[in-house]
């Protein structure tokens, strides 16, 4: 069993930056592929980024490439999402997830554990 706790959300102006953190407990995060997902009001959950166990394999939603960076510190059992050049359309609840696999077409399918999320609001 793995527990995931996100932090770092908040209100930011368009063009600003935020850094989200996801702390894991219960089992070493190095055992898992880690991902970030988001859900905006009235919309379906959307994959944002994922990172493999060693940090070498990284995947992004096209619309965040060049603006968001996912990273992990396995010694701290923490995964990060650095978000720069934020846009109002990035407003959502951001959740991290841990799982065994990354499926390119259905990333959520490989995730077994989910955090409750942290809210990001980007004001225009």
Protein backbone atom coordinates (compact mmCIF):
# COMPACT_ATOMS: atom_id res chain seq x y z
CA UNK A 1 0.00 0.00 0.00
CA UNK A 2 1.24 3.45 -0.91
CA UNK A 3 0.00 6.81 0.32
CA UNK A 4 0.46 9.89 -1.83
CA UNK A 5 0.20 13.47 -0.59
CA UNK A 6 0.41 16.42 -2.96
CA UNK A 7 1.37 19.97 -2.05
CA UNK A 8 2.35 23.22 -3.70
CA UNK A 9 -0.87 24.25 -5.39
CA UNK A 10 -2.25 27.76 -5.19
CA UNK A 11 -3.33 30.86 -7.05
CA UNK A 12 -0.92 32.33 -9.57
CA UNK A 13 -1.08 34.92 -12.34
CA UNK A 14 -0.83 33.83 -15.95
CA UNK A 15 2.81 33.48 -16.88
CA UNK A 16 3.78 32.55 -13.36
CA UNK A 17 5.25 29.36 -11.92
CA UNK A 18 4.40 26.76 -9.33
CA UNK A 19 6.18 23.66 -8.12
CA UNK A 20 4.05 20.74 -7.05
CA UNK A 21 5.39 18.00 -4.81
CA UNK A 22 4.10 14.50 -4.21
CA UNK A 23 5.38 12.71 -1.13
CA UNK A 24 4.97 8.96 -0.97
CA UNK A 25 4.92 6.71 2.06
CA UNK A 26 4.35 3.06 2.76
CA UNK A 27 6.72 1.77 0.11
CA UNK A 28 9.70 3.28 -1.65
CA UNK A 29 8.63 5.45 -4.56
CA UNK A 30 11.49 4.00 -6.59
CA UNK A 31 9.32 0.90 -6.99
CA UNK A 32 6.81 2.80 -9.10
CA UNK A 33 6.25 4.68 -12.25
CA UNK A 34 4.94 8.06 -11.10
CA UNK A 35 2.52 10.34 -12.89
CA UNK A 36 0.71 13.64 -12.63
CA UNK A 37 -2.87 14.02 -13.79
CA UNK A 38 -5.29 16.93 -13.65
CA UNK A 39 -9.01 17.49 -13.75
CA UNK A 40 -10.56 20.85 -14.52
CA UNK A 41 -14.14 21.65 -13.48
CA UNK A 42 -16.60 19.95 -15.79
CA UNK A 43 -13.88 18.10 -17.66
CA UNK A 44 -12.48 14.60 -17.65
CA UNK A 45 -9.24 13.69 -15.93
CA UNK A 46 -6.24 14.37 -18.15
CA UNK A 47 -2.74 12.95 -18.16
CA UNK A 48 -0.05 15.58 -17.63
CA UNK A 49 3.31 13.84 -17.17
CA UNK A 50 4.91 10.58 -16.12
CA UNK A 51 8.38 9.47 -15.11
CA UNK A 52 9.91 6.03 -14.99
CA UNK A 53 11.46 4.43 -11.94
CA UNK A 54 14.99 5.62 -12.66
CA UNK A 55 13.92 9.03 -13.95
CA UNK A 56 15.23 8.37 -17.44
CA UNK A 57 11.95 7.79 -19.27
CA UNK A 58 9.72 10.86 -19.20
CA UNK A 59 6.44 11.59 -20.95
CA UNK A 60 4.35 14.75 -21.28
CA UNK A 61 1.00 15.92 -22.52
CA UNK A 62 1.72 17.85 -25.70
CA UNK A 63 0.25 21.09 -24.39
CA UNK A 64 2.65 21.22 -21.42
CA UNK A 65 5.85 20.26 -23.22
CA UNK A 66 8.46 22.97 -22.78
CA UNK A 67 6.57 24.49 -19.84
CA UNK A 68 6.30 21.66 -17.29
CA UNK A 69 9.08 19.45 -15.95
CA UNK A 70 8.56 16.25 -14.00
CA UNK A 71 11.35 14.96 -11.79
CA UNK A 72 11.83 12.61 -8.89
CA UNK A 73 14.09 12.24 -5.88
CA UNK A 74 13.92 8.60 -4.87
CA UNK A 75 16.01 9.23 -1.76
CA UNK A 76 13.26 11.58 -0.56
CA UNK A 77 10.40 9.48 -1.96
CA UNK A 78 9.13 12.59 -3.69
CA UNK A 79 8.06 13.48 -7.21
CA UNK A 80 7.88 17.04 -8.47
CA UNK A 81 6.11 18.93 -11.20
CA UNK A 82 7.68 22.27 -12.03
CA UNK A 83 5.15 24.36 -13.93
CA UNK A 84 6.30 27.49 -15.74
CA UNK A 85 4.53 29.91 -18.08
CA UNK A 86 1.21 28.91 -16.59
CA UNK A 87 -1.97 29.60 -18.53
CA UNK A 88 -5.57 29.90 -17.36
CA UNK A 89 -6.31 26.60 -19.10
CA UNK A 90 -3.89 24.89 -16.70
CA UNK A 91 -6.37 25.55 -13.88
CA UNK A 92 -7.32 22.19 -12.37
CA UNK A 93 -6.93 19.84 -9.45
CA UNK A 94 -3.59 18.12 -9.91
CA UNK A 95 -3.16 14.57 -8.58
CA UNK A 96 -0.13 12.37 -8.49
CA UNK A 97 -0.31 8.64 -9.00
CA UNK A 98 1.92 5.61 -8.63
CA UNK A 99 1.80 2.44 -10.61
CA UNK A 100 3.57 -0.40 -12.30
CA UNK A 101 3.40 0.61 -15.96
CA UNK A 102 3.09 3.52 -18.31
CA UNK A 103 0.64 2.93 -21.15
CA UNK A 104 1.08 5.64 -23.79
CA UNK A 105 -2.54 5.59 -24.97
CA UNK A 106 -4.14 5.17 -21.54
CA UNK A 107 -1.66 6.36 -18.89
CA UNK A 108 -4.14 6.09 -16.02
CA UNK A 109 -4.54 2.36 -16.59
CA UNK A 110 -1.08 1.66 -15.23
CA UNK A 111 -1.62 3.62 -12.03
CA UNK A 112 -2.60 1.78 -8.86
CA UNK A 113 -2.49 4.49 -6.20
CA UNK A 114 -3.75 8.07 -6.27
CA UNK A 115 -3.40 11.13 -4.11
CA UNK A 116 -6.27 13.45 -3.28
CA UNK A 117 -4.89 16.34 -5.26
CA UNK A 118 -3.86 19.94 -4.92
CA UNK A 119 -5.66 22.83 -6.59
CA UNK A 120 -3.93 25.08 -9.11
CA UNK A 121 -5.71 28.24 -10.20
CA UNK A 122 -4.21 30.44 -12.90
CA UNK A 123 -5.72 33.91 -13.06
CA UNK A 124 -5.71 35.79 -16.31
